[in-house]
Amino acid sequence: MGDNISLSPFIYFLLSLLGAGIGAYFGSYLREKGKNLATHEDIDRVVRATEDIKAQISGNLWMRQRRDEIRLGAINEYLRATNAYVASALVNPNPQTPVIKWFEDFNIAVQRIRVLFSDSTYQAAQAVDRLIVPFGTWAVLAGRDRRDRANAFAEACHVALTALYGEVFGDGG
């Protein structure tokens, strides 16, 4: 019996040592697993946030591109109408009276500019509108008067188009 008593503390010691070792191992293991799980969750959150931001940027880019396409369409309508006026009234030696359809198209182009562009750009487009005179007036203008009127019209068109394209491609965004 004496041998049992002396072994008993030794067995307890070994069991305690074994339990401490197992506890330390599993504690370290579980701590590391917890860190990995937290890191994985953090990475998932960052990836989701990044994907959300990319989707938002992509959506905003698409909207800006679409808006610019619409604005370029308005500029093209405006340019087509002013070119038609130049061809009929300024270049043609016998100016022709425009049809009502031309006035409607030009007014629609100017109103689209009013909706799609800044007030200052709209004002530049309106300055061109104010230089449009009945075609019969061009027939009575001769020489320098006609040339001066044509130059004023061309300059106003240049200012308007510079402002229009500037808002789409550059400074007005």
N, C-alpha and C. Protein backbone atom coordinates (compact mmCIF):
# COMPACT_ATOMS: atom_id res chain seq x y z
N MET A 1 0.80 -1.19 0.00
CA MET A 1 0.00 0.00 0.00
C MET A 1 0.84 1.26 0.00
N GLY A 2 1.97 1.16 0.53
CA GLY A 2 2.84 2.32 0.59
C GLY A 2 3.25 2.77 -0.79
N ASP A 3 3.36 1.82 -1.70
CA ASP A 3 3.73 2.18 -3.05
C ASP A 3 2.62 2.94 -3.77
N ASN A 4 1.38 2.60 -3.47
CA ASN A 4 0.24 3.30 -4.06
C ASN A 4 0.20 4.76 -3.68
N ILE A 5 0.51 5.01 -2.44
CA ILE A 5 0.44 6.38 -1.95
C ILE A 5 1.51 7.22 -2.64
N SER A 6 2.69 6.69 -2.82
CA SER A 6 3.74 7.48 -3.44
C SER A 6 3.51 7.64 -4.95
N LEU A 7 2.81 6.71 -5.58
CA LEU A 7 2.51 6.84 -6.99
C LEU A 7 1.36 7.80 -7.25
N SER A 8 0.50 7.85 -6.34
CA SER A 8 -0.67 8.68 -6.51
C SER A 8 -0.31 10.14 -6.77
N PRO A 9 0.54 10.79 -6.01
CA PRO A 9 0.88 12.17 -6.32
C PRO A 9 1.60 12.28 -7.66
N PHE A 10 2.39 11.28 -7.98
CA PHE A 10 3.10 11.31 -9.25
C PHE A 10 2.12 11.22 -10.43
N ILE A 11 1.12 10.36 -10.29
CA ILE A 11 0.10 10.22 -11.33
C ILE A 11 -0.68 11.53 -11.44
N TYR A 12 -1.00 12.10 -10.32
CA TYR A 12 -1.71 13.39 -10.35
C TYR A 12 -0.86 14.46 -11.03
N PHE A 13 0.41 14.41 -10.73
CA PHE A 13 1.31 15.37 -11.33
C PHE A 13 1.36 15.18 -12.85
N LEU A 14 1.48 13.93 -13.29
CA LEU A 14 1.52 13.64 -14.72
C LEU A 14 0.21 14.02 -15.39
N LEU A 15 -0.88 13.68 -14.74
CA LEU A 15 -2.20 14.04 -15.29
C LEU A 15 -2.36 15.57 -15.36
N SER A 16 -1.90 16.24 -14.34
CA SER A 16 -1.97 17.71 -14.34
C SER A 16 -1.11 18.28 -15.45
N LEU A 17 0.10 17.72 -15.60
CA LEU A 17 1.00 18.18 -16.64
C LEU A 17 0.40 17.91 -18.03
N LEU A 18 -0.16 16.71 -18.19
CA LEU A 18 -0.80 16.36 -19.45
C LEU A 18 -2.00 17.28 -19.71
N GLY A 19 -2.82 17.52 -18.71
CA GLY A 19 -3.98 18.41 -18.84
C GLY A 19 -3.57 19.84 -19.17
N ALA A 20 -2.48 20.31 -18.51
CA ALA A 20 -2.00 21.67 -18.79
C ALA A 20 -1.49 21.75 -20.22
N GLY A 21 -0.76 20.73 -20.66
CA GLY A 21 -0.24 20.72 -22.02
C GLY A 21 -1.37 20.71 -23.05
N ILE A 22 -2.36 19.84 -22.81
CA ILE A 22 -3.51 19.78 -23.72
C ILE A 22 -4.28 21.09 -23.69
N GLY A 23 -4.48 21.62 -22.51
CA GLY A 23 -5.19 22.91 -22.37
C GLY A 23 -4.45 24.03 -23.08
N ALA A 24 -3.11 24.06 -22.91
CA ALA A 24 -2.31 25.10 -23.56
C ALA A 24 -2.39 24.96 -25.08
N TYR A 25 -2.31 23.69 -25.54
CA TYR A 25 -2.37 23.46 -26.99
C TYR A 25 -3.71 23.89 -27.54
N PHE A 26 -4.80 23.41 -26.92
CA PHE A 26 -6.13 23.77 -27.43
C PHE A 26 -6.43 25.26 -27.24
N GLY A 27 -5.94 25.85 -26.17
CA GLY A 27 -6.12 27.29 -25.97
C GLY A 27 -5.44 28.08 -27.06
N SER A 28 -4.20 27.70 -27.37
CA SER A 28 -3.45 28.35 -28.44
C SER A 28 -4.12 28.10 -29.79
N TYR A 29 -4.54 26.85 -29.99
CA TYR A 29 -5.21 26.48 -31.24
C TYR A 29 -6.50 27.29 -31.43
N LEU A 30 -7.31 27.34 -30.38
CA LEU A 30 -8.58 28.06 -30.47
C LEU A 30 -8.36 29.57 -30.62
N ARG A 31 -7.34 30.10 -29.95
CA ARG A 31 -7.02 31.52 -30.08
C ARG A 31 -6.63 31.82 -31.54
N GLU A 32 -5.79 30.99 -32.12
CA GLU A 32 -5.36 31.17 -33.51
C GLU A 32 -6.53 31.03 -34.47
N LYS A 33 -7.39 30.05 -34.21
CA LYS A 33 -8.60 29.88 -35.03
C LYS A 33 -9.48 31.12 -34.94
N GLY A 34 -9.62 31.67 -33.76
CA GLY A 34 -10.43 32.89 -33.57
C GLY A 34 -9.85 34.06 -34.34
N LYS A 35 -8.51 34.20 -34.30
CA LYS A 35 -7.86 35.27 -35.06
C LYS A 35 -8.11 35.09 -36.55
N ASN A 36 -7.93 33.85 -37.02
CA ASN A 36 -8.14 33.57 -38.45
C ASN A 36 -9.58 33.85 -38.86
N LEU A 37 -10.52 33.47 -38.02
CA LEU A 37 -11.93 33.71 -38.32
C LEU A 37 -12.21 35.22 -38.37
N ALA A 38 -11.67 35.95 -37.40
CA ALA A 38 -11.87 37.40 -37.39
C ALA A 38 -11.22 38.04 -38.62
N THR A 39 -10.03 37.59 -38.99
CA THR A 39 -9.35 38.12 -40.17
C THR A 39 -10.16 37.81 -41.42
N HIS A 40 -10.66 36.59 -41.51
CA HIS A 40 -11.47 36.19 -42.66
C HIS A 40 -12.73 37.05 -42.76
N GLU A 41 -13.38 37.30 -41.64
CA GLU A 41 -14.58 38.15 -41.64
C GLU A 41 -14.23 39.58 -42.05
N ASP A 42 -13.07 40.07 -41.56
CA ASP A 42 -12.62 41.42 -41.95
C ASP A 42 -12.36 41.50 -43.45
N ILE A 43 -11.71 40.47 -43.97
CA ILE A 43 -11.43 40.45 -45.41
C ILE A 43 -12.73 40.41 -46.20
N ASP A 44 -13.68 39.59 -45.75
CA ASP A 44 -14.98 39.53 -46.43
C ASP A 44 -15.66 40.90 -46.44
N ARG A 45 -15.61 41.60 -45.31
CA ARG A 45 -16.21 42.94 -45.23
C ARG A 45 -15.52 43.91 -46.17
N VAL A 46 -14.20 43.86 -46.22
CA VAL A 46 -13.44 44.76 -47.09
C VAL A 46 -13.75 44.44 -48.56
N VAL A 47 -13.80 43.16 -48.89
CA VAL A 47 -14.10 42.76 -50.28
C VAL A 47 -15.51 43.22 -50.65
N ARG A 48 -16.48 43.03 -49.77
CA ARG A 48 -17.85 43.48 -50.05
C ARG A 48 -17.90 45.00 -50.22
N ALA A 49 -17.22 45.72 -49.33
CA ALA A 49 -17.20 47.18 -49.43
C ALA A 49 -16.54 47.63 -50.73
N THR A 50 -15.45 46.96 -51.10
CA THR A 50 -14.76 47.29 -52.35
C THR A 50 -15.66 47.03 -53.55
N GLU A 51 -16.34 45.91 -53.55
CA GLU A 51 -17.25 45.59 -54.65
C GLU A 51 -18.40 46.58 -54.72
N ASP A 52 -18.92 47.01 -53.56
CA ASP A 52 -19.98 48.02 -53.55
C ASP A 52 -19.49 49.34 -54.14
N ILE A 53 -18.28 49.73 -53.75
CA ILE A 53 -17.71 50.99 -54.26
C ILE A 53 -17.48 50.89 -55.76
N LYS A 54 -16.95 49.75 -56.22
CA LYS A 54 -16.73 49.56 -57.66
C LYS A 54 -18.05 49.62 -58.41
N ALA A 55 -19.09 49.01 -57.87
CA ALA A 55 -20.40 49.03 -58.52
C ALA A 55 -20.95 50.46 -58.57
N GLN A 56 -20.78 51.19 -57.49
CA GLN A 56 -21.26 52.57 -57.45
C GLN A 56 -20.50 53.43 -58.45
N ILE A 57 -19.17 53.29 -58.50
CA ILE A 57 -18.37 54.06 -59.44
C ILE A 57 -18.75 53.69 -60.87
N SER A 58 -18.93 52.40 -61.11
CA SER A 58 -19.31 51.94 -62.44
C SER A 58 -20.67 52.51 -62.83
N GLY A 59 -21.61 52.51 -61.89
CA GLY A 59 -22.94 53.08 -62.16
C GLY A 59 -22.86 54.57 -62.42
N ASN A 60 -22.06 55.28 -61.62
CA ASN A 60 -21.90 56.72 -61.82
C ASN A 60 -21.22 57.01 -63.15
N LEU A 61 -20.24 56.19 -63.50
CA LEU A 61 -19.56 56.37 -64.78
C LEU A 61 -20.54 56.17 -65.93
N TRP A 62 -21.35 55.13 -65.83
CA TRP A 62 -22.34 54.87 -66.88
C TRP A 62 -23.31 56.05 -67.00
N MET A 63 -23.76 56.58 -65.86
CA MET A 63 -24.70 57.71 -65.89
C MET A 63 -24.04 58.94 -66.53
N ARG A 64 -22.77 59.20 -66.18
CA ARG A 64 -22.08 60.35 -66.79
C ARG A 64 -21.90 60.15 -68.29
N GLN A 65 -21.55 58.93 -68.68
CA GLN A 65 -21.39 58.66 -70.11
C GLN A 65 -22.71 58.84 -70.85
N ARG A 66 -23.77 58.35 -70.27
CA ARG A 66 -25.09 58.47 -70.90
C ARG A 66 -25.51 59.95 -71.00
N ARG A 67 -25.28 60.70 -69.91
CA ARG A 67 -25.60 62.13 -69.91
C ARG A 67 -24.81 62.85 -71.00
N ASP A 68 -23.51 62.51 -71.11
CA ASP A 68 -22.68 63.15 -72.12
C ASP A 68 -23.13 62.77 -73.54
N GLU A 69 -23.58 61.54 -73.74
CA GLU A 69 -24.12 61.15 -75.05
C GLU A 69 -25.33 61.99 -75.41
N ILE A 70 -26.21 62.20 -74.44
CA ILE A 70 -27.41 63.01 -74.67
C ILE A 70 -27.01 64.46 -74.96
N ARG A 71 -26.04 64.97 -74.20
CA ARG A 71 -25.58 66.33 -74.41
C ARG A 71 -24.95 66.49 -75.80
N LEU A 72 -24.14 65.49 -76.21
CA LEU A 72 -23.54 65.56 -77.54
C LEU A 72 -24.61 65.51 -78.63
N GLY A 73 -25.67 64.76 -78.40
CA GLY A 73 -26.79 64.74 -79.35
C GLY A 73 -27.42 66.12 -79.47
N ALA A 74 -27.57 66.81 -78.34
CA ALA A 74 -28.14 68.17 -78.37
C ALA A 74 -27.20 69.12 -79.11
N ILE A 75 -25.90 68.98 -78.89
CA ILE A 75 -24.93 69.83 -79.60
C ILE A 75 -25.02 69.56 -81.10
N ASN A 76 -25.12 68.30 -81.48
CA ASN A 76 -25.21 67.97 -82.91
C ASN A 76 -26.46 68.55 -83.54
N GLU A 77 -27.58 68.49 -82.84
CA GLU A 77 -28.82 69.11 -83.36
C GLU A 77 -28.63 70.61 -83.54
N TYR A 78 -28.04 71.24 -82.55
CA TYR A 78 -27.80 72.68 -82.59
C TYR A 78 -26.86 73.03 -83.74
N LEU A 79 -25.79 72.25 -83.88
CA LEU A 79 -24.82 72.48 -84.94
C LEU A 79 -25.45 72.28 -86.31
N ARG A 80 -26.27 71.25 -86.44
CA ARG A 80 -26.95 70.99 -87.72
C ARG A 80 -27.87 72.18 -88.07
N ALA A 81 -28.57 72.71 -87.10
CA ALA A 81 -29.49 73.82 -87.35
C ALA A 81 -28.73 75.10 -87.71
N THR A 82 -27.64 75.38 -86.99
CA THR A 82 -26.87 76.60 -87.32
C THR A 82 -26.18 76.46 -88.67
N ASN A 83 -25.72 75.26 -88.99
CA ASN A 83 -25.10 75.06 -90.31
C ASN A 83 -26.12 75.23 -91.44
N ALA A 84 -27.33 74.76 -91.20
CA ALA A 84 -28.38 74.93 -92.21
C ALA A 84 -28.66 76.42 -92.42
N TYR A 85 -28.65 77.17 -91.34
CA TYR A 85 -28.87 78.62 -91.45
C TYR A 85 -27.73 79.28 -92.22
N VAL A 86 -26.51 78.89 -91.90
CA VAL A 86 -25.36 79.46 -92.61
C VAL A 86 -25.45 79.14 -94.10
N ALA A 87 -25.76 77.89 -94.42
CA ALA A 87 -25.84 77.48 -95.83
C ALA A 87 -26.94 78.23 -96.57
N SER A 88 -28.08 78.44 -95.92
CA SER A 88 -29.20 79.09 -96.59
C SER A 88 -29.07 80.60 -96.63
N ALA A 89 -28.62 81.19 -95.55
CA ALA A 89 -28.66 82.64 -95.44
C ALA A 89 -27.34 83.33 -95.74
N LEU A 90 -26.24 82.71 -95.37
CA LEU A 90 -24.97 83.42 -95.48
C LEU A 90 -24.18 83.03 -96.72
N VAL A 91 -24.22 81.78 -97.10
CA VAL A 91 -23.42 81.32 -98.23
C VAL A 91 -24.17 81.51 -99.54
N ASN A 92 -25.42 81.22 -99.52
CA ASN A 92 -26.25 81.28 -100.72
C ASN A 92 -26.37 82.73 -101.19
N PRO A 93 -26.04 83.01 -102.43
CA PRO A 93 -26.15 84.40 -102.92
C PRO A 93 -27.61 84.89 -102.95
N ASN A 94 -28.55 83.98 -103.05
CA ASN A 94 -29.97 84.32 -103.02
C ASN A 94 -30.59 83.62 -101.80
N PRO A 95 -30.51 84.24 -100.64
CA PRO A 95 -31.00 83.58 -99.42
C PRO A 95 -32.45 83.12 -99.57
N GLN A 96 -32.68 81.95 -99.02
CA GLN A 96 -34.01 81.36 -99.10
C GLN A 96 -34.72 81.49 -97.76
N THR A 97 -36.01 81.61 -97.83
CA THR A 97 -36.80 81.66 -96.61
C THR A 97 -36.83 80.27 -95.98
N PRO A 98 -36.49 80.18 -94.70
CA PRO A 98 -36.50 78.86 -94.07
C PRO A 98 -37.94 78.38 -93.89
N VAL A 99 -38.06 77.10 -93.85
CA VAL A 99 -39.37 76.53 -93.60
C VAL A 99 -39.62 76.54 -92.09
N ILE A 100 -40.88 76.49 -91.75
CA ILE A 100 -41.24 76.50 -90.32
C ILE A 100 -40.56 75.36 -89.59
N LYS A 101 -40.38 74.24 -90.25
CA LYS A 101 -39.73 73.07 -89.64
C LYS A 101 -38.33 73.44 -89.14
N TRP A 102 -37.59 74.26 -89.90
CA TRP A 102 -36.26 74.65 -89.48
C TRP A 102 -36.32 75.44 -88.18
N PHE A 103 -37.26 76.40 -88.10
CA PHE A 103 -37.40 77.18 -86.86
C PHE A 103 -37.76 76.28 -85.69
N GLU A 104 -38.65 75.33 -85.92
CA GLU A 104 -39.03 74.39 -84.85
C GLU A 104 -37.82 73.59 -84.40
N ASP A 105 -37.06 73.06 -85.35
CA ASP A 105 -35.87 72.26 -85.01
C ASP A 105 -34.85 73.09 -84.24
N PHE A 106 -34.64 74.33 -84.68
CA PHE A 106 -33.67 75.18 -84.01
C PHE A 106 -34.14 75.51 -82.58
N ASN A 107 -35.41 75.84 -82.43
CA ASN A 107 -35.93 76.15 -81.09
C ASN A 107 -35.88 74.94 -80.17
N ILE A 108 -36.15 73.76 -80.69
CA ILE A 108 -36.05 72.54 -79.88
C ILE A 108 -34.60 72.32 -79.45
N ALA A 109 -33.66 72.53 -80.37
CA ALA A 109 -32.23 72.36 -80.04
C ALA A 109 -31.83 73.33 -78.93
N VAL A 110 -32.27 74.58 -79.03
CA VAL A 110 -31.92 75.58 -78.01
C VAL A 110 -32.58 75.21 -76.67
N GLN A 111 -33.80 74.72 -76.69
CA GLN A 111 -34.47 74.34 -75.44
C GLN A 111 -33.81 73.11 -74.80
N ARG A 112 -33.33 72.18 -75.60
CA ARG A 112 -32.59 71.04 -75.06
C ARG A 112 -31.32 71.53 -74.37
N ILE A 113 -30.67 72.52 -74.97
CA ILE A 113 -29.47 73.10 -74.36
C ILE A 113 -29.84 73.74 -73.02
N ARG A 114 -30.97 74.39 -72.99
CA ARG A 114 -31.42 75.02 -71.74
C ARG A 114 -31.57 73.99 -70.62
N VAL A 115 -32.08 72.81 -70.96
CA VAL A 115 -32.31 71.77 -69.96
C VAL A 115 -31.02 71.05 -69.58
N LEU A 116 -30.14 70.82 -70.53
CA LEU A 116 -28.98 69.95 -70.31
C LEU A 116 -27.70 70.67 -69.90
N PHE A 117 -27.66 71.98 -70.06
CA PHE A 117 -26.42 72.71 -69.83
C PHE A 117 -26.63 73.83 -68.82
N SER A 118 -25.54 74.45 -68.43
CA SER A 118 -25.60 75.55 -67.46
C SER A 118 -26.27 76.77 -68.08
N ASP A 119 -26.65 77.70 -67.20
CA ASP A 119 -27.29 78.94 -67.66
C ASP A 119 -26.37 79.76 -68.57
N SER A 120 -25.08 79.81 -68.23
CA SER A 120 -24.17 80.62 -69.05
C SER A 120 -24.02 80.02 -70.45
N THR A 121 -24.02 78.70 -70.55
CA THR A 121 -23.93 78.06 -71.87
C THR A 121 -25.22 78.28 -72.64
N TYR A 122 -26.33 78.20 -71.96
CA TYR A 122 -27.62 78.48 -72.60
C TYR A 122 -27.65 79.92 -73.13
N GLN A 123 -27.11 80.85 -72.35
CA GLN A 123 -27.06 82.26 -72.78
C GLN A 123 -26.22 82.40 -74.05
N ALA A 124 -25.12 81.63 -74.14
CA ALA A 124 -24.29 81.68 -75.35
C ALA A 124 -25.07 81.16 -76.55
N ALA A 125 -25.85 80.12 -76.36
CA ALA A 125 -26.67 79.59 -77.46
C ALA A 125 -27.76 80.59 -77.85
N GLN A 126 -28.30 81.26 -76.88
CA GLN A 126 -29.33 82.27 -77.17
C GLN A 126 -28.75 83.46 -77.92
N ALA A 127 -27.48 83.77 -77.69
CA ALA A 127 -26.85 84.87 -78.42
C ALA A 127 -26.86 84.58 -79.92
N VAL A 128 -26.68 83.33 -80.29
CA VAL A 128 -26.75 82.94 -81.70
C VAL A 128 -28.18 83.13 -82.18
N ASP A 129 -29.13 82.71 -81.37
CA ASP A 129 -30.55 82.81 -81.72
C ASP A 129 -30.92 84.27 -82.02
N ARG A 130 -30.37 85.18 -81.24
CA ARG A 130 -30.70 86.60 -81.44
C ARG A 130 -30.13 87.15 -82.75
N LEU A 131 -29.13 86.50 -83.31
CA LEU A 131 -28.54 86.96 -84.57
C LEU A 131 -29.26 86.42 -85.79
N ILE A 132 -30.18 85.52 -85.57
CA ILE A 132 -30.93 84.97 -86.70
C ILE A 132 -31.99 85.99 -87.11
N VAL A 133 -31.90 86.37 -88.33
CA VAL A 133 -32.85 87.37 -88.86
C VAL A 133 -33.62 86.71 -89.99
N PRO A 134 -34.76 87.25 -90.31
CA PRO A 134 -35.50 86.69 -91.45
C PRO A 134 -34.61 86.67 -92.69
N PHE A 135 -34.71 85.62 -93.44
CA PHE A 135 -33.82 85.45 -94.59
C PHE A 135 -33.99 86.58 -95.61
N GLY A 136 -35.14 87.17 -95.68
CA GLY A 136 -35.34 88.28 -96.60
C GLY A 136 -34.39 89.43 -96.29
N THR A 137 -34.05 89.60 -95.01
CA THR A 137 -33.14 90.65 -94.60
C THR A 137 -31.76 90.44 -95.21
N TRP A 138 -31.36 89.17 -95.31
CA TRP A 138 -30.04 88.88 -95.89
C TRP A 138 -29.99 89.30 -97.36
N ALA A 139 -31.11 89.19 -98.03
CA ALA A 139 -31.13 89.52 -99.45
C ALA A 139 -30.85 91.01 -99.67
N VAL A 140 -31.29 91.86 -98.76
CA VAL A 140 -31.08 93.30 -98.94
C VAL A 140 -29.72 93.74 -98.41
N LEU A 141 -29.12 92.94 -97.55
CA LEU A 141 -27.78 93.28 -97.06
C LEU A 141 -26.77 93.01 -98.17
N ALA A 142 -25.85 93.89 -98.33
CA ALA A 142 -24.86 93.69 -99.38
C ALA A 142 -23.48 94.01 -98.82
N GLY A 143 -22.50 93.46 -99.46
CA GLY A 143 -21.11 93.78 -99.17
C GLY A 143 -20.72 93.65 -97.71
N ARG A 144 -20.21 94.77 -97.18
CA ARG A 144 -19.67 94.78 -95.82
C ARG A 144 -20.72 94.47 -94.75
N ASP A 145 -21.93 94.99 -94.89
CA ASP A 145 -22.98 94.72 -93.90
C ASP A 145 -23.26 93.22 -93.78
N ARG A 146 -23.36 92.60 -94.92
CA ARG A 146 -23.64 91.15 -94.92
C ARG A 146 -22.46 90.39 -94.31
N ARG A 147 -21.25 90.79 -94.68
CA ARG A 147 -20.04 90.14 -94.16
C ARG A 147 -19.93 90.35 -92.65
N ASP A 148 -20.21 91.56 -92.17
CA ASP A 148 -20.15 91.83 -90.73
C ASP A 148 -21.17 90.99 -89.97
N ARG A 149 -22.36 90.90 -90.53
CA ARG A 149 -23.43 90.10 -89.91
C ARG A 149 -23.03 88.62 -89.88
N ALA A 150 -22.45 88.15 -90.97
CA ALA A 150 -22.01 86.75 -91.06
C ALA A 150 -20.88 86.48 -90.05
N ASN A 151 -19.95 87.44 -89.92
CA ASN A 151 -18.86 87.28 -88.96
C ASN A 151 -19.37 87.26 -87.52
N ALA A 152 -20.32 88.13 -87.22
CA ALA A 152 -20.91 88.14 -85.87
C ALA A 152 -21.61 86.81 -85.58
N PHE A 153 -22.32 86.30 -86.57
CA PHE A 153 -23.00 85.01 -86.41
C PHE A 153 -21.98 83.89 -86.18
N ALA A 154 -20.91 83.88 -86.98
CA ALA A 154 -19.88 82.84 -86.85
C ALA A 154 -19.20 82.93 -85.49
N GLU A 155 -18.92 84.14 -85.03
CA GLU A 155 -18.27 84.31 -83.72
C GLU A 155 -19.19 83.85 -82.59
N ALA A 156 -20.46 84.20 -82.68
CA ALA A 156 -21.42 83.76 -81.65
C ALA A 156 -21.54 82.23 -81.65
N CYS A 157 -21.54 81.62 -82.84
CA CYS A 157 -21.58 80.15 -82.92
C CYS A 157 -20.33 79.55 -82.27
N HIS A 158 -19.18 80.14 -82.54
CA HIS A 158 -17.93 79.65 -81.96
C HIS A 158 -17.97 79.71 -80.43
N VAL A 159 -18.42 80.83 -79.90
CA VAL A 159 -18.52 80.99 -78.44
C VAL A 159 -19.48 79.96 -77.86
N ALA A 160 -20.64 79.79 -78.50
CA ALA A 160 -21.64 78.83 -78.00
C ALA A 160 -21.10 77.40 -78.05
N LEU A 161 -20.49 77.03 -79.16
CA LEU A 161 -19.97 75.66 -79.29
C LEU A 161 -18.81 75.40 -78.35
N THR A 162 -17.96 76.40 -78.13
CA THR A 162 -16.87 76.25 -77.17
C THR A 162 -17.43 76.00 -75.77
N ALA A 163 -18.46 76.73 -75.39
CA ALA A 163 -19.08 76.54 -74.08
C ALA A 163 -19.76 75.16 -73.99
N LEU A 164 -20.47 74.79 -75.04
CA LEU A 164 -21.16 73.49 -75.05
C LEU A 164 -20.17 72.33 -74.92
N TYR A 165 -19.17 72.31 -75.79
CA TYR A 165 -18.19 71.23 -75.74
C TYR A 165 -17.36 71.28 -74.45
N GLY A 166 -17.13 72.49 -73.95
CA GLY A 166 -16.39 72.63 -72.69
C GLY A 166 -17.09 71.95 -71.53
N GLU A 167 -18.41 72.04 -71.50
CA GLU A 167 -19.15 71.38 -70.41
C GLU A 167 -19.13 69.86 -70.55
N VAL A 168 -19.10 69.38 -71.76
CA VAL A 168 -19.09 67.92 -71.95
C VAL A 168 -17.69 67.35 -71.73
N PHE A 169 -16.67 67.99 -72.27
CA PHE A 169 -15.35 67.38 -72.28
C PHE A 169 -14.36 67.99 -71.30
N GLY A 170 -14.70 69.12 -70.71
CA GLY A 170 -13.64 69.74 -69.93
C GLY A 170 -14.08 70.42 -68.68
N ASP A 171 -14.05 71.70 -68.75
CA ASP A 171 -14.14 72.53 -67.57
C ASP A 171 -15.50 72.55 -66.87
N GLY A 172 -16.59 72.26 -67.53
CA GLY A 172 -17.91 72.39 -66.88
C GLY A 172 -18.45 71.12 -66.30
N GLY A 173 -17.92 69.93 -66.70
CA GLY A 173 -18.28 68.63 -66.18
C GLY A 173 -19.68 68.40 -66.02
